[in-house]
Amino acid sequence: MIRCHLARMMGEHKLRIADVARETGLSRATVTLLYKETAQKVDLNAIKQICVLFDCTVGELLELMPSQND
């Protein structure tokens, strides 16, 4: 499972989904899927835009969690 820390980062910066969508140029739907950790696929440009906005690395935004099958 891949964990997305967008919700935590948004909380730390006091940003709403609409704020992130506006600042990154991403659709509100894309930001919502990442925020709720329900995205099945994510465009690399979306990851890049979010990392630029929060001045973070991909590893700080996304984290690979061990699956229960391991």
C-alpha atoms as a PDB file:
ATOM      1  CA  MET A   1       0.000   0.000   0.000  1.00  0.00           C
ATOM      2  CA  ILE A   2       1.198   3.501  -0.783  1.00  0.00           C
ATOM      3  CA  ARG A   3       0.338   6.114   1.823  1.00  0.00           C
ATOM      4  CA  CYS A   4      -0.150   9.724   0.697  1.00  0.00           C
ATOM      5  CA  HIS A   5       0.626  12.420   3.257  1.00  0.00           C
ATOM      6  CA  LEU A   6      -1.165  15.211   1.393  1.00  0.00           C
ATOM      7  CA  ALA A   7      -3.874  15.619   4.062  1.00  0.00           C
ATOM      8  CA  ARG A   8      -1.265  16.049   6.805  1.00  0.00           C
ATOM      9  CA  MET A   9       0.758  18.489   4.731  1.00  0.00           C
ATOM     10  CA  MET A  10      -2.332  20.513   3.880  1.00  0.00           C
ATOM     11  CA  GLY A  11      -3.248  20.664   7.561  1.00  0.00           C
ATOM     12  CA  GLU A  12       0.230  21.863   8.507  1.00  0.00           C
ATOM     13  CA  HIS A  13      -0.019  24.653   5.918  1.00  0.00           C
ATOM     14  CA  LYS A  14      -3.709  25.350   6.633  1.00  0.00           C
ATOM     15  CA  LEU A  15      -4.663  24.796   2.990  1.00  0.00           C
ATOM     16  CA  ARG A  16      -7.945  23.484   1.615  1.00  0.00           C
ATOM     17  CA  ILE A  17      -8.437  21.237  -1.396  1.00  0.00           C
ATOM     18  CA  ALA A  18      -9.529  24.260  -3.439  1.00  0.00           C
ATOM     19  CA  ASP A  19      -6.337  26.109  -2.451  1.00  0.00           C
ATOM     20  CA  VAL A  20      -4.104  23.238  -3.571  1.00  0.00           C
ATOM     21  CA  ALA A  21      -6.041  22.834  -6.829  1.00  0.00           C
ATOM     22  CA  ARG A  22      -5.738  26.549  -7.593  1.00  0.00           C
ATOM     23  CA  GLU A  23      -2.027  26.790  -6.701  1.00  0.00           C
ATOM     24  CA  THR A  24      -1.006  23.657  -8.622  1.00  0.00           C
ATOM     25  CA  GLY A  25      -3.373  23.852 -11.587  1.00  0.00           C
ATOM     26  CA  LEU A  26      -4.572  20.319 -10.814  1.00  0.00           C
ATOM     27  CA  SER A  27      -8.242  19.437 -10.903  1.00  0.00           C
ATOM     28  CA  ARG A  28     -10.137  19.465  -7.642  1.00  0.00           C
ATOM     29  CA  ALA A  29     -10.997  15.800  -8.279  1.00  0.00           C
ATOM     30  CA  THR A  30      -7.311  14.826  -8.494  1.00  0.00           C
ATOM     31  CA  VAL A  31      -6.450  16.657  -5.279  1.00  0.00           C
ATOM     32  CA  THR A  32      -9.467  15.100  -3.528  1.00  0.00           C
ATOM     33  CA  LEU A  33      -8.437  11.570  -4.540  1.00  0.00           C
ATOM     34  CA  LEU A  34      -4.939  12.127  -3.170  1.00  0.00           C
ATOM     35  CA  TYR A  35      -6.278  13.824  -0.034  1.00  0.00           C
ATOM     36  CA  LYS A  36      -8.617  10.910   0.720  1.00  0.00           C
ATOM     37  CA  GLU A  37      -5.982   8.348  -0.338  1.00  0.00           C
ATOM     38  CA  THR A  38      -8.404   6.749  -2.799  1.00  0.00           C
ATOM     39  CA  ALA A  39      -6.447   7.387  -6.015  1.00  0.00           C
ATOM     40  CA  GLN A  40      -5.627   4.259  -8.014  1.00  0.00           C
ATOM     41  CA  LYS A  41      -3.384   6.044 -10.522  1.00  0.00           C
ATOM     42  CA  VAL A  42      -1.667   9.400 -10.330  1.00  0.00           C
ATOM     43  CA  ASP A  43      -0.029  11.373 -13.107  1.00  0.00           C
ATOM     44  CA  LEU A  44       3.634  12.146 -12.408  1.00  0.00           C
ATOM     45  CA  ASN A  45       2.970  15.797 -13.186  1.00  0.00           C
ATOM     46  CA  ALA A  46       0.433  15.888 -10.337  1.00  0.00           C
ATOM     47  CA  ILE A  47       3.040  14.532  -7.919  1.00  0.00           C
ATOM     48  CA  LYS A  48       5.569  17.066  -9.185  1.00  0.00           C
ATOM     49  CA  GLN A  49       3.150  19.986  -8.811  1.00  0.00           C
ATOM     50  CA  ILE A  50       2.301  19.022  -5.238  1.00  0.00           C
ATOM     51  CA  CYS A  51       5.963  18.537  -4.319  1.00  0.00           C
ATOM     52  CA  VAL A  52       6.776  21.978  -5.757  1.00  0.00           C
ATOM     53  CA  LEU A  53       3.911  23.583  -3.823  1.00  0.00           C
ATOM     54  CA  PHE A  54       4.964  22.051  -0.500  1.00  0.00           C
ATOM     55  CA  ASP A  55       8.709  22.157  -1.227  1.00  0.00           C
ATOM     56  CA  CYS A  56       8.997  18.458  -0.435  1.00  0.00           C
ATOM     57  CA  THR A  57      10.386  15.309  -2.004  1.00  0.00           C
ATOM     58  CA  VAL A  58       8.314  12.483  -3.459  1.00  0.00           C
ATOM     59  CA  GLY A  59       9.405  10.383  -0.471  1.00  0.00           C
ATOM     60  CA  GLU A  60       7.955  12.940   1.922  1.00  0.00           C
ATOM     61  CA  LEU A  61       4.642  12.975   0.042  1.00  0.00           C
ATOM     62  CA  LEU A  62       4.309   9.245  -0.621  1.00  0.00           C
ATOM     63  CA  GLU A  63       5.328   6.341   1.601  1.00  0.00           C
ATOM     64  CA  LEU A  64       5.393   2.636   0.744  1.00  0.00           C
ATOM     65  CA  MET A  65       3.777   0.709   3.580  1.00  0.00           C
ATOM     66  CA  PRO A  66       4.275  -3.031   4.038  1.00  0.00           C
ATOM     67  CA  SER A  67       1.265  -4.969   2.821  1.00  0.00           C
ATOM     68  CA  GLN A  68      -0.438  -7.533   5.021  1.00  0.00           C
ATOM     69  CA  ASN A  69       0.583 -10.212   2.503  1.00  0.00           C
ATOM     70  CA  ASP A  70       4.309  -9.673   3.194  1.00  0.00           C
END
